[in-house]
N, C-alpha and C. Protein backbone atom coordinates (compact mmCIF):
# COMPACT_ATOMS: atom_id res chain seq x y z
N MET A 1 36.89 -48.17 51.71
CA MET A 1 37.83 -47.81 50.58
C MET A 1 38.15 -49.17 49.81
N SER A 2 37.91 -48.74 48.39
CA SER A 2 37.83 -49.46 47.48
C SER A 2 39.36 -50.06 46.93
N ASP A 3 39.80 -51.29 46.30
CA ASP A 3 40.85 -51.74 46.03
C ASP A 3 41.75 -50.38 45.59
N ASP A 4 40.58 -49.93 44.36
CA ASP A 4 41.66 -49.15 43.20
C ASP A 4 41.88 -47.55 44.66
N GLN A 5 41.50 -47.41 45.99
CA GLN A 5 42.08 -46.36 45.95
C GLN A 5 43.30 -47.16 46.78
N HIS A 6 43.42 -48.20 47.18
CA HIS A 6 44.71 -48.64 47.62
C HIS A 6 46.22 -48.96 46.51
N SER A 7 45.98 -49.31 45.07
CA SER A 7 46.23 -49.75 44.10
C SER A 7 47.33 -48.41 43.73
N SER A 8 48.65 -48.81 43.94
CA SER A 8 49.57 -48.23 43.38
C SER A 8 49.96 -47.22 41.81
N PRO A 9 50.06 -46.32 42.08
CA PRO A 9 50.23 -45.89 40.65
C PRO A 9 51.08 -46.06 39.04
N PRO A 10 50.54 -46.60 38.12
CA PRO A 10 51.67 -47.00 37.65
C PRO A 10 52.92 -46.77 37.08
N ARG A 11 53.71 -47.29 37.19
CA ARG A 11 55.60 -47.27 36.88
C ARG A 11 55.75 -46.83 35.59
N LEU A 12 56.11 -45.90 35.20
CA LEU A 12 56.99 -45.07 34.42
C LEU A 12 57.83 -46.41 33.74
N THR A 13 58.25 -47.15 33.17
CA THR A 13 59.46 -47.61 32.73
C THR A 13 60.37 -46.68 31.66
N ARG A 14 61.38 -47.33 31.42
CA ARG A 14 62.61 -46.58 30.89
C ARG A 14 62.05 -46.74 28.98
N ARG A 15 61.40 -47.92 28.98
CA ARG A 15 60.81 -48.27 27.58
C ARG A 15 59.76 -47.46 27.46
N ALA A 16 58.82 -47.08 28.24
CA ALA A 16 57.78 -46.31 27.68
C ALA A 16 58.03 -44.92 27.62
N LEU A 17 59.39 -44.59 28.89
CA LEU A 17 59.59 -43.09 28.38
C LEU A 17 60.05 -42.67 26.96
N LEU A 18 61.01 -44.10 26.71
CA LEU A 18 61.69 -43.78 25.10
C LEU A 18 60.60 -43.60 23.77
N THR A 19 59.78 -44.74 24.09
CA THR A 19 58.89 -44.66 23.53
C THR A 19 57.54 -43.57 23.31
N SER A 20 57.31 -42.92 23.96
CA SER A 20 56.31 -41.69 24.53
C SER A 20 57.24 -40.62 23.64
N ALA A 21 58.95 -40.57 24.05
CA ALA A 21 59.31 -39.48 23.64
C ALA A 21 59.80 -39.59 21.95
N GLY A 22 59.64 -41.05 21.63
CA GLY A 22 59.78 -40.96 20.35
C GLY A 22 58.51 -40.89 19.46
N THR A 23 58.04 -41.19 19.70
CA THR A 23 56.37 -40.96 19.43
C THR A 23 56.17 -39.34 18.91
N ALA A 24 56.49 -38.91 20.09
CA ALA A 24 56.53 -37.27 19.55
C ALA A 24 57.17 -36.55 19.14
N ALA A 25 58.65 -36.82 18.89
CA ALA A 25 59.75 -36.75 18.15
C ALA A 25 59.28 -36.57 16.87
N VAL A 26 58.71 -37.64 16.38
CA VAL A 26 57.99 -38.46 15.23
C VAL A 26 57.04 -37.32 14.86
N ALA A 27 56.34 -37.11 15.67
CA ALA A 27 54.92 -36.46 15.25
C ALA A 27 55.52 -34.87 15.05
N ALA A 28 56.15 -34.31 15.50
CA ALA A 28 56.95 -32.72 15.66
C ALA A 28 57.86 -33.04 14.15
N ALA A 29 58.75 -33.57 13.71
CA ALA A 29 59.01 -33.71 12.23
C ALA A 29 58.13 -33.99 11.06
N ILE A 30 57.22 -33.74 11.39
CA ILE A 30 55.58 -34.43 10.02
C ILE A 30 55.04 -33.26 10.28
N GLU A 31 54.49 -32.45 11.57
CA GLU A 31 54.42 -31.70 11.73
C GLU A 31 55.09 -30.14 11.09
N GLY A 32 56.85 -30.13 11.30
CA GLY A 32 57.47 -29.35 10.45
C GLY A 32 57.57 -29.78 9.30
N CYS A 33 57.33 -30.78 8.41
CA CYS A 33 57.88 -30.94 7.17
C CYS A 33 56.52 -30.41 6.48
N GLN A 34 55.24 -30.99 7.13
CA GLN A 34 54.12 -30.74 6.83
C GLN A 34 53.71 -29.06 6.26
N SER A 35 54.31 -28.14 7.32
CA SER A 35 54.64 -26.79 7.55
C SER A 35 55.11 -26.11 6.65
N SER A 36 56.82 -26.66 6.00
CA SER A 36 57.35 -26.44 4.95
C SER A 36 56.85 -26.24 4.01
N ALA A 37 56.23 -27.44 3.77
CA ALA A 37 55.83 -27.87 2.43
C ALA A 37 54.69 -26.73 2.18
N GLN A 38 54.35 -26.56 2.79
CA GLN A 38 52.87 -24.97 2.67
C GLN A 38 53.40 -23.39 2.69
N ALA A 39 54.91 -23.61 3.24
CA ALA A 39 55.24 -22.62 3.19
C ALA A 39 55.76 -22.01 1.90
N PRO A 40 55.51 -20.81 1.43
CA PRO A 40 56.47 -20.59 0.35
C PRO A 40 57.61 -20.60 0.24
N ALA A 41 58.76 -21.29 -1.28
CA ALA A 41 59.70 -21.49 -1.11
C ALA A 41 60.97 -19.80 -0.96
N ARG A 42 61.51 -20.21 -0.48
CA ARG A 42 62.54 -19.16 0.32
C ARG A 42 63.17 -18.18 -1.00
N VAL A 43 63.72 -19.07 -1.94
CA VAL A 43 64.54 -18.61 -2.82
C VAL A 43 63.57 -19.01 -4.29
N SER A 44 63.43 -17.83 -4.59
CA SER A 44 62.28 -18.06 -6.29
C SER A 44 63.49 -18.15 -7.50
N ALA A 45 62.41 -18.26 -8.38
CA ALA A 45 63.75 -18.72 -9.70
C ALA A 45 64.50 -17.54 -10.16
N ASP A 46 63.19 -16.20 -10.07
CA ASP A 46 63.88 -14.84 -10.38
C ASP A 46 65.23 -14.54 -9.80
N ALA A 47 65.50 -15.13 -7.97
CA ALA A 47 66.17 -14.35 -7.24
C ALA A 47 67.64 -15.17 -7.73
N MET A 48 66.94 -16.67 -8.05
CA MET A 48 68.49 -17.25 -8.94
C MET A 48 68.96 -17.04 -9.63
N ASN A 49 68.36 -15.66 -10.44
CA ASN A 49 68.72 -15.42 -11.78
C ASN A 49 69.08 -13.96 -11.42
N GLY A 50 69.16 -13.38 -9.90
CA GLY A 50 69.62 -12.25 -9.99
C GLY A 50 68.47 -10.90 -9.96
N GLN A 51 67.21 -11.75 -10.25
CA GLN A 51 66.29 -10.41 -10.65
C GLN A 51 65.70 -9.91 -9.59
N ALA A 52 65.86 -11.07 -8.38
CA ALA A 52 65.47 -10.42 -7.36
C ALA A 52 66.26 -10.01 -5.91
N ILE A 53 67.64 -9.50 -6.17
CA ILE A 53 68.50 -9.45 -5.21
C ILE A 53 68.32 -8.08 -5.28
N GLU A 54 68.61 -7.76 -3.97
CA GLU A 54 68.84 -6.13 -4.07
C GLU A 54 70.06 -5.57 -4.78
N GLY A 55 70.22 -4.55 -5.62
CA GLY A 55 71.37 -4.15 -5.77
C GLY A 55 71.96 -5.05 -7.10
N ALA A 56 71.28 -6.27 -7.60
CA ALA A 56 71.98 -6.81 -8.44
C ALA A 56 72.55 -6.04 -9.56
N VAL A 57 73.22 -6.12 -10.66
CA VAL A 57 73.69 -6.00 -11.76
C VAL A 57 74.15 -6.47 -12.63
N PRO A 58 74.26 -6.26 -13.73
CA PRO A 58 74.14 -6.99 -15.19
C PRO A 58 75.33 -7.57 -15.31
N VAL A 59 75.66 -8.20 -15.77
CA VAL A 59 77.48 -9.32 -16.09
C VAL A 59 76.85 -10.07 -17.40
N THR A 60 77.60 -9.91 -18.37
CA THR A 60 77.65 -11.12 -19.55
C THR A 60 79.01 -11.93 -19.28
N LEU A 61 79.00 -12.85 -19.05
CA LEU A 61 79.89 -14.09 -19.35
C LEU A 61 79.94 -15.00 -20.16
N ARG A 62 81.00 -15.44 -20.86
CA ARG A 62 80.98 -16.30 -21.89
C ARG A 62 81.57 -17.39 -21.39
N VAL A 63 81.24 -18.21 -20.85
CA VAL A 63 81.70 -19.61 -20.59
C VAL A 63 81.80 -20.81 -21.25
N ASN A 64 82.80 -21.08 -21.22
CA ASN A 64 82.91 -22.37 -22.21
C ASN A 64 82.05 -21.62 -23.70
N GLY A 65 82.33 -20.91 -24.19
CA GLY A 65 81.59 -20.60 -25.16
C GLY A 65 80.08 -20.28 -25.78
N THR A 66 79.64 -20.52 -24.21
CA THR A 66 78.12 -19.73 -24.44
C THR A 66 78.21 -18.45 -23.58
N GLU A 67 77.69 -17.64 -24.31
CA GLU A 67 77.09 -16.37 -23.65
C GLU A 67 76.26 -16.41 -22.23
N ARG A 68 76.69 -15.88 -21.17
CA ARG A 68 75.24 -16.10 -20.23
C ARG A 68 75.11 -14.32 -20.00
N ARG A 69 73.97 -14.13 -20.14
CA ARG A 69 73.30 -12.74 -19.57
C ARG A 69 72.69 -13.09 -18.30
N LEU A 70 73.58 -11.93 -16.83
CA LEU A 70 73.44 -12.84 -15.80
C LEU A 70 73.09 -11.55 -14.83
N ARG A 71 72.33 -11.33 -13.91
CA ARG A 71 72.27 -10.51 -13.29
C ARG A 71 72.69 -11.45 -11.43
N VAL A 72 73.67 -10.00 -11.12
CA VAL A 72 74.20 -11.28 -10.20
C VAL A 72 74.70 -9.94 -9.05
N ASP A 73 74.76 -10.26 -7.52
CA ASP A 73 75.04 -9.64 -6.87
C ASP A 73 76.29 -9.49 -6.62
N PRO A 74 76.79 -8.19 -6.61
CA PRO A 74 78.15 -7.80 -6.97
C PRO A 74 79.45 -8.19 -6.04
N ARG A 75 78.92 -8.40 -5.03
CA ARG A 75 79.78 -9.30 -4.21
C ARG A 75 79.98 -10.56 -4.39
N THR A 76 78.78 -11.21 -5.28
CA THR A 76 79.13 -12.67 -5.62
C THR A 76 80.83 -13.27 -6.41
N THR A 77 81.09 -13.95 -5.79
CA THR A 77 82.84 -14.74 -6.48
C THR A 77 82.12 -15.49 -7.62
N LEU A 78 83.21 -15.47 -8.63
CA LEU A 78 83.07 -16.09 -9.48
C LEU A 78 82.60 -17.56 -9.34
N LEU A 79 83.11 -18.11 -8.54
CA LEU A 79 83.34 -19.64 -8.29
C LEU A 79 82.17 -19.71 -7.80
N ASP A 80 80.81 -18.75 -6.70
CA ASP A 80 79.77 -19.06 -6.69
C ASP A 80 79.11 -18.86 -7.89
N CYS A 81 79.47 -17.85 -8.57
CA CYS A 81 78.28 -17.90 -9.60
C CYS A 81 78.24 -18.79 -10.67
N LEU A 82 79.69 -19.41 -10.96
CA LEU A 82 79.33 -20.96 -11.96
C LEU A 82 78.82 -21.93 -11.12
N ARG A 83 78.91 -22.37 -9.91
CA ARG A 83 78.69 -23.14 -9.16
C ARG A 83 76.84 -23.22 -8.87
N GLU A 84 76.74 -21.83 -8.59
CA GLU A 84 75.10 -21.95 -8.01
C GLU A 84 74.26 -21.10 -9.37
N THR A 85 74.77 -19.85 -9.91
CA THR A 85 74.16 -19.21 -10.77
C THR A 85 74.03 -19.96 -11.98
N ILE A 86 74.86 -20.44 -12.32
CA ILE A 86 74.80 -20.71 -14.12
C ILE A 86 74.79 -22.74 -13.61
N VAL A 87 75.31 -22.69 -12.89
CA VAL A 87 74.90 -24.95 -12.29
C VAL A 87 75.95 -25.78 -12.85
N LEU A 88 77.25 -25.18 -12.94
CA LEU A 88 78.20 -25.92 -13.28
C LEU A 88 79.34 -25.98 -12.08
N THR A 89 79.19 -27.24 -11.88
CA THR A 89 79.97 -27.37 -10.86
C THR A 89 80.78 -28.48 -10.85
N GLY A 90 81.49 -28.79 -11.68
CA GLY A 90 82.92 -29.33 -11.51
C GLY A 90 83.90 -28.71 -10.81
N THR A 91 83.97 -26.92 -11.06
CA THR A 91 84.34 -26.27 -10.36
C THR A 91 84.05 -25.95 -8.91
N LYS A 92 85.20 -27.07 -7.88
CA LYS A 92 85.20 -27.11 -6.38
C LYS A 92 85.21 -26.04 -5.74
N LYS A 93 84.57 -26.14 -4.74
CA LYS A 93 84.60 -25.12 -3.58
C LYS A 93 86.23 -25.88 -2.79
N GLY A 94 86.90 -25.75 -2.30
CA GLY A 94 87.80 -26.09 -0.98
C GLY A 94 88.26 -25.20 -0.08
N CYS A 95 88.69 -24.62 0.07
CA CYS A 95 88.90 -23.60 1.21
C CYS A 95 88.46 -22.43 0.80
N ASP A 96 87.98 -22.12 -0.16
CA ASP A 96 87.10 -20.48 -0.47
C ASP A 96 88.35 -19.67 -0.05
N HIS A 97 89.82 -19.68 0.05
CA HIS A 97 90.54 -18.79 0.38
C HIS A 97 91.64 -18.15 -0.90
N GLY A 98 91.42 -19.26 -1.79
CA GLY A 98 92.74 -19.39 -2.44
C GLY A 98 94.05 -19.89 -2.43
N GLN A 99 93.64 -21.24 -1.08
CA GLN A 99 95.17 -21.64 -0.76
C GLN A 99 95.06 -23.35 -1.38
N CYS A 100 93.85 -23.70 -2.00
CA CYS A 100 94.00 -25.03 -2.49
C CYS A 100 93.93 -25.24 -3.72
N GLY A 101 93.48 -24.07 -4.79
CA GLY A 101 93.58 -24.81 -5.84
C GLY A 101 92.27 -25.42 -6.60
N ALA A 102 91.21 -25.96 -6.27
CA ALA A 102 90.24 -26.78 -6.29
C ALA A 102 89.23 -26.25 -7.13
N CYS A 103 89.71 -24.27 -7.21
CA CYS A 103 88.10 -23.72 -7.69
C CYS A 103 89.01 -23.74 -9.38
N THR A 104 90.42 -23.89 -10.07
CA THR A 104 91.11 -23.35 -10.80
C THR A 104 90.02 -23.17 -11.99
N VAL A 105 89.82 -22.36 -12.58
CA VAL A 105 89.48 -22.29 -13.85
C VAL A 105 89.92 -21.01 -14.89
N HIS A 106 90.15 -20.89 -16.15
CA HIS A 106 90.82 -20.12 -16.42
C HIS A 106 90.21 -19.09 -17.53
N ILE A 107 90.48 -17.77 -17.38
CA ILE A 107 90.26 -16.85 -17.99
C ILE A 107 91.38 -15.91 -18.82
N ASN A 108 90.31 -16.26 -20.33
CA ASN A 108 90.91 -15.51 -21.45
C ASN A 108 92.68 -16.43 -21.10
N GLY A 109 92.58 -17.55 -20.92
CA GLY A 109 93.57 -18.82 -21.54
C GLY A 109 94.91 -18.93 -19.89
N ARG A 110 94.34 -17.89 -19.04
CA ARG A 110 95.33 -17.98 -18.04
C ARG A 110 94.31 -18.52 -16.75
N ARG A 111 95.44 -19.54 -15.73
CA ARG A 111 94.67 -19.83 -14.82
C ARG A 111 94.48 -18.90 -13.47
N ILE A 112 93.19 -18.92 -12.66
CA ILE A 112 92.89 -18.07 -11.68
C ILE A 112 92.43 -19.06 -10.78
N ASN A 113 92.58 -18.19 -9.68
CA ASN A 113 91.19 -19.26 -8.61
C ASN A 113 90.20 -18.31 -8.19
N SER A 114 89.44 -19.19 -8.75
CA SER A 114 87.75 -18.44 -8.73
C SER A 114 86.83 -17.97 -7.44
N CYS A 115 87.39 -18.70 -6.82
CA CYS A 115 86.92 -17.95 -5.09
C CYS A 115 87.91 -16.69 -5.01
N LEU A 116 88.91 -16.07 -5.13
CA LEU A 116 89.31 -14.90 -5.25
C LEU A 116 88.93 -13.75 -5.93
N THR A 117 88.40 -13.69 -6.87
CA THR A 117 87.70 -12.94 -7.72
C THR A 117 86.02 -12.92 -7.90
N LEU A 118 85.41 -11.85 -8.25
CA LEU A 118 84.20 -11.46 -8.22
C LEU A 118 83.80 -11.75 -9.91
N ALA A 119 82.56 -11.93 -10.09
CA ALA A 119 81.73 -12.32 -11.22
C ALA A 119 82.31 -11.40 -12.47
N VAL A 120 81.68 -9.88 -11.57
CA VAL A 120 81.84 -9.14 -12.45
C VAL A 120 82.72 -8.51 -12.82
N MET A 121 83.90 -8.58 -12.56
CA MET A 121 84.96 -8.51 -13.10
C MET A 121 86.08 -9.04 -14.25
N HIS A 122 84.42 -9.82 -14.55
CA HIS A 122 84.70 -10.63 -15.99
C HIS A 122 83.89 -10.65 -17.03
N ASP A 123 83.22 -9.46 -17.27
CA ASP A 123 81.90 -9.09 -17.87
C ASP A 123 82.62 -9.36 -19.35
N GLY A 124 82.33 -10.25 -20.37
CA GLY A 124 82.76 -10.09 -21.56
C GLY A 124 83.87 -10.92 -21.53
N GLU A 125 84.62 -11.37 -20.80
CA GLU A 125 85.87 -12.12 -20.92
C GLU A 125 85.47 -13.64 -20.67
N ALA A 126 86.00 -14.28 -22.12
CA ALA A 126 86.27 -15.80 -22.01
C ALA A 126 86.45 -16.55 -20.85
N ILE A 127 85.80 -17.21 -20.05
CA ILE A 127 86.15 -18.09 -19.40
C ILE A 127 85.75 -20.00 -19.52
N THR A 128 86.83 -20.33 -18.94
CA THR A 128 86.51 -22.21 -19.18
C THR A 128 86.52 -23.28 -17.80
N THR A 129 85.80 -23.74 -17.72
CA THR A 129 85.72 -24.70 -17.07
C THR A 129 86.11 -26.11 -16.94
N ILE A 130 86.08 -26.73 -16.11
CA ILE A 130 86.64 -28.88 -16.47
C ILE A 130 85.28 -28.81 -17.32
N GLU A 131 84.21 -27.95 -17.08
CA GLU A 131 83.00 -28.88 -18.37
C GLU A 131 83.47 -28.83 -19.25
N GLY A 132 84.15 -27.33 -20.24
CA GLY A 132 84.48 -27.06 -21.14
C GLY A 132 85.74 -27.70 -21.64
N LEU A 133 86.37 -28.43 -21.48
CA LEU A 133 87.55 -28.83 -21.46
C LEU A 133 87.79 -30.09 -22.39
N GLY A 134 86.83 -30.75 -22.27
CA GLY A 134 86.66 -31.83 -22.41
C GLY A 134 85.58 -32.82 -22.21
N GLY A 135 84.47 -33.64 -23.25
CA GLY A 135 83.73 -34.72 -22.46
C GLY A 135 84.13 -35.88 -22.78
N PRO A 136 83.31 -36.95 -21.93
CA PRO A 136 83.50 -38.44 -21.90
C PRO A 136 84.00 -39.12 -23.42
N ASN A 137 83.68 -38.60 -24.48
CA ASN A 137 83.88 -39.36 -25.96
C ASN A 137 84.64 -38.49 -26.71
N ALA A 138 85.27 -37.09 -25.84
CA ALA A 138 86.65 -36.48 -26.46
C ALA A 138 87.14 -35.83 -25.18
N LEU A 139 88.55 -36.80 -24.82
CA LEU A 139 88.78 -36.72 -23.62
C LEU A 139 90.05 -35.17 -23.98
N HIS A 140 90.12 -34.03 -23.36
CA HIS A 140 91.66 -33.59 -23.39
C HIS A 140 92.75 -34.23 -23.16
N PRO A 141 93.86 -34.07 -23.83
CA PRO A 141 95.03 -35.11 -23.13
C PRO A 141 95.72 -35.22 -22.16
N MET A 142 95.11 -34.03 -21.20
CA MET A 142 95.61 -34.08 -20.26
C MET A 142 94.52 -34.86 -19.63
N GLN A 143 93.41 -34.55 -19.99
CA GLN A 143 92.28 -35.25 -18.45
C GLN A 143 91.84 -37.30 -19.18
N ALA A 144 92.94 -37.31 -19.96
CA ALA A 144 93.31 -38.80 -20.93
C ALA A 144 94.41 -39.26 -19.94
N ALA A 145 95.77 -38.33 -19.81
CA ALA A 145 96.65 -38.39 -18.73
C ALA A 145 96.89 -39.01 -17.27
N PHE A 146 95.84 -38.09 -16.82
CA PHE A 146 95.04 -38.49 -15.44
C PHE A 146 94.40 -39.67 -15.36
N VAL A 147 93.51 -40.18 -16.38
CA VAL A 147 92.88 -41.40 -16.69
C VAL A 147 93.90 -42.72 -16.57
N GLU A 148 94.97 -42.49 -17.09
CA GLU A 148 96.17 -43.34 -17.61
C GLU A 148 97.08 -43.36 -16.25
N HIS A 149 97.24 -42.06 -15.79
CA HIS A 149 98.07 -42.61 -14.79
C HIS A 149 97.84 -42.20 -13.17
N ASP A 150 96.23 -43.10 -12.98
CA ASP A 150 95.14 -42.24 -11.42
C ASP A 150 96.00 -41.64 -10.93
N GLY A 151 95.90 -40.20 -11.68
CA GLY A 151 95.88 -38.58 -11.16
C GLY A 151 95.35 -38.00 -10.13
N TYR A 152 94.57 -39.53 -9.43
CA TYR A 152 92.90 -38.89 -8.42
C TYR A 152 93.58 -39.65 -7.48
N GLN A 153 92.18 -39.56 -6.54
CA GLN A 153 92.05 -39.98 -5.23
C GLN A 153 90.61 -40.08 -5.09
N CYS A 154 90.43 -39.52 -4.47
CA CYS A 154 88.95 -39.37 -4.32
C CYS A 154 88.16 -37.96 -4.86
N GLY A 155 89.07 -37.59 -6.02
CA GLY A 155 89.16 -36.71 -6.80
C GLY A 155 88.37 -35.11 -7.04
N TYR A 156 88.02 -34.83 -5.64
CA TYR A 156 88.00 -33.35 -5.04
C TYR A 156 88.86 -32.60 -5.99
N CYS A 157 89.87 -32.69 -6.06
CA CYS A 157 90.98 -31.55 -6.57
C CYS A 157 90.91 -31.44 -7.71
N THR A 158 90.71 -32.86 -8.61
CA THR A 158 91.14 -33.01 -9.50
C THR A 158 90.72 -32.17 -10.84
N SER A 159 89.74 -31.46 -10.67
CA SER A 159 89.44 -31.05 -12.05
C SER A 159 90.28 -29.30 -11.43
N GLY A 160 90.64 -28.71 -10.41
CA GLY A 160 91.68 -28.15 -10.20
C GLY A 160 92.87 -28.42 -10.72
N GLN A 161 92.89 -29.81 -10.54
CA GLN A 161 94.27 -29.98 -10.72
C GLN A 161 94.75 -29.70 -12.58
N ILE A 162 93.68 -30.27 -13.35
CA ILE A 162 93.65 -30.63 -14.44
C ILE A 162 93.84 -29.27 -15.38
N MET A 163 92.84 -28.22 -14.18
CA MET A 163 92.45 -26.71 -15.06
C MET A 163 94.05 -26.46 -15.09
N SER A 164 95.12 -26.54 -14.05
CA SER A 164 96.51 -25.60 -13.60
C SER A 164 97.17 -26.29 -14.24
N ALA A 165 97.00 -27.63 -15.00
CA ALA A 165 98.08 -28.58 -15.73
C ALA A 165 97.97 -28.66 -17.07
N VAL A 166 96.63 -28.28 -17.21
CA VAL A 166 96.50 -27.20 -18.98
C VAL A 166 97.33 -26.20 -19.30
N ALA A 167 97.14 -25.05 -18.16
CA ALA A 167 97.93 -23.68 -18.30
C ALA A 167 99.39 -23.88 -18.12
N LEU A 168 99.75 -25.02 -17.52
CA LEU A 168 101.14 -25.02 -17.66
C LEU A 168 101.41 -25.16 -18.70
N LEU A 169 101.08 -25.94 -19.59
CA LEU A 169 101.27 -26.56 -20.63
C LEU A 169 101.68 -24.97 -21.78
N LYS A 170 101.22 -24.06 -21.22
CA LYS A 170 101.03 -22.83 -22.68
C LYS A 170 102.49 -21.61 -21.52
N GLU A 171 102.96 -22.40 -20.16
CA GLU A 171 103.76 -21.16 -19.20
C GLU A 171 105.40 -22.00 -19.27
N PRO A 172 106.13 -20.93 -19.31
CA PRO A 172 107.13 -21.90 -18.82
C PRO A 172 107.63 -22.59 -17.93
N CYS A 173 107.77 -23.55 -18.20
CA CYS A 173 108.50 -24.47 -17.43
C CYS A 173 109.30 -25.89 -17.82
N GLY A 174 110.36 -25.88 -16.53
CA GLY A 174 111.96 -26.68 -16.79
C GLY A 174 111.46 -27.79 -17.20
N PRO A 175 111.89 -28.99 -17.84
CA PRO A 175 111.50 -30.32 -18.03
C PRO A 175 111.75 -31.36 -17.18
N ALA A 176 112.40 -31.32 -15.75
CA ALA A 176 112.27 -31.84 -14.64
C ALA A 176 110.94 -32.01 -13.74
N ASP A 177 110.59 -32.96 -13.52
CA ASP A 177 109.76 -32.81 -12.45
C ASP A 177 109.69 -32.13 -11.46
N ALA A 178 110.56 -31.78 -10.80
CA ALA A 178 110.60 -30.77 -9.47
C ALA A 178 109.65 -29.26 -10.29
N ASP A 179 110.12 -28.93 -11.53
CA ASP A 179 110.15 -27.55 -12.32
C ASP A 179 108.00 -28.14 -12.19
N VAL A 180 107.65 -29.26 -12.60
CA VAL A 180 106.37 -29.08 -12.52
C VAL A 180 105.65 -29.00 -11.43
N LYS A 181 106.43 -29.58 -10.29
CA LYS A 181 105.73 -29.71 -8.74
C LYS A 181 105.77 -28.19 -8.34
N GLU A 182 106.78 -27.58 -9.25
CA GLU A 182 107.14 -26.00 -8.81
C GLU A 182 105.68 -24.83 -9.43
N LEU A 183 105.29 -25.46 -10.41
CA LEU A 183 104.24 -24.62 -10.85
C LEU A 183 103.02 -24.93 -10.56
N MET A 184 102.41 -26.00 -10.06
CA MET A 184 102.02 -26.90 -9.86
C MET A 184 101.70 -26.86 -8.00
N SER A 185 102.32 -25.93 -7.25
CA SER A 185 102.56 -26.15 -5.77
C SER A 185 100.93 -25.38 -4.83
N GLY A 186 100.19 -24.65 -6.25
CA GLY A 186 99.23 -23.98 -5.82
C GLY A 186 97.87 -24.76 -5.45
N ASN A 187 97.77 -25.67 -6.14
CA ASN A 187 96.74 -26.70 -5.82
C ASN A 187 97.43 -28.03 -5.06
N ILE A 188 96.59 -28.16 -4.20
CA ILE A 188 96.87 -29.39 -3.48
C ILE A 188 95.95 -30.26 -3.76
N CYS A 189 96.15 -31.66 -3.63
CA CYS A 189 95.82 -32.96 -3.37
C CYS A 189 95.89 -33.84 -1.92
N ARG A 190 94.73 -33.20 -1.04
CA ARG A 190 95.35 -34.34 0.36
C ARG A 190 94.92 -35.79 0.19
N CYS A 191 94.89 -36.39 -0.94
CA CYS A 191 94.98 -37.63 -0.49
C CYS A 191 96.65 -38.10 -0.83
N GLY A 192 96.84 -37.09 -1.51
CA GLY A 192 98.72 -37.03 -1.54
C GLY A 192 99.07 -37.70 -3.30
N ALA A 193 98.53 -37.77 -4.11
CA ALA A 193 98.53 -38.37 -5.52
C ALA A 193 100.10 -37.50 -6.53
N TYR A 194 100.49 -36.77 -5.93
CA TYR A 194 101.18 -35.95 -6.10
C TYR A 194 101.87 -36.71 -7.19
N PRO A 195 102.66 -38.08 -7.06
CA PRO A 195 103.49 -38.59 -8.16
C PRO A 195 102.67 -38.98 -9.53
N ASN A 196 101.60 -39.63 -9.12
CA ASN A 196 101.30 -39.78 -10.29
C ASN A 196 100.20 -38.69 -11.47
N ILE A 197 100.19 -37.20 -10.41
CA ILE A 197 99.50 -35.81 -11.02
C ILE A 197 100.90 -35.45 -11.74
N VAL A 198 102.19 -35.74 -11.07
CA VAL A 198 103.03 -35.47 -11.76
C VAL A 198 103.66 -36.11 -13.03
N ALA A 199 103.06 -37.44 -13.38
CA ALA A 199 103.89 -38.46 -13.90
C ALA A 199 103.04 -38.00 -15.13
N ALA A 200 101.31 -37.66 -15.32
CA ALA A 200 100.12 -37.11 -15.52
C ALA A 200 100.92 -36.35 -16.71
N ILE A 201 101.40 -35.39 -16.14
CA ILE A 201 101.42 -34.06 -16.59
C ILE A 201 102.58 -33.66 -17.53
N GLN A 202 103.42 -35.06 -17.02
CA GLN A 202 104.81 -34.58 -17.89
C GLN A 202 104.91 -36.36 -19.12
N GLN A 203 103.27 -36.59 -19.24
CA GLN A 203 103.17 -37.55 -20.21
C GLN A 203 102.65 -36.23 -21.62
N ALA A 204 101.65 -35.73 -20.63
CA ALA A 204 100.97 -34.73 -21.92
C ALA A 204 101.79 -33.40 -22.41
N ARG A 205 102.85 -33.31 -21.47
CA ARG A 205 103.89 -32.35 -22.28
C ARG A 205 104.57 -32.99 -23.33
N HIS A 206 104.97 -34.12 -23.27
CA HIS A 206 105.56 -34.67 -24.01
C HIS A 206 105.04 -35.34 -25.50
N THR A 207 103.62 -34.89 -25.37
CA THR A 207 102.48 -35.50 -26.47
C THR A 207 102.31 -34.18 -26.82
N ALA A 208 102.05 -33.31 -26.51
CA ALA A 208 102.01 -31.79 -27.13
C ALA A 208 102.35 -31.37 -28.12
């Protein structure tokens, strides 16, 4: 009997096992990426415009002074239409249940939670988002006040806070901080920047 027949089989070490598994995983990932690259895109440009969506309906939205003629699924919320179709992502999706106020926009000058209304309900109406309020070189007074008073931390709720605060300027509101807090109660700041937010709003009210 030869020495080869007496020799024990090679022992599989933990390092060898992990190396083998890692190599297989990388190979599978590369193969998956190649397959995805060769496969047709799931969502076409036409679908993003609503042209390939079954049951899509025409709607004209006047967003920040620009008329947008779209075809959308009638179930599309105004929030999703603004973010996904028109690609104005300043309006944030927070709770998607009308509880946090991050998605606040103006419809004909009045504030609403855009996650709670459908895009088709606002055909022909004037919609203002945070992008239409002011720009870096021409801030709205409320935006400037938020910057001056550090009325934000993570910034996720800020666009909704500012949109509500601007609407508040035209609403009946008492002079006290408590009055401002009451009218801003629909906008949640999870970072807790409420004192600075109220200070910014009070400044803007006094200078408006």
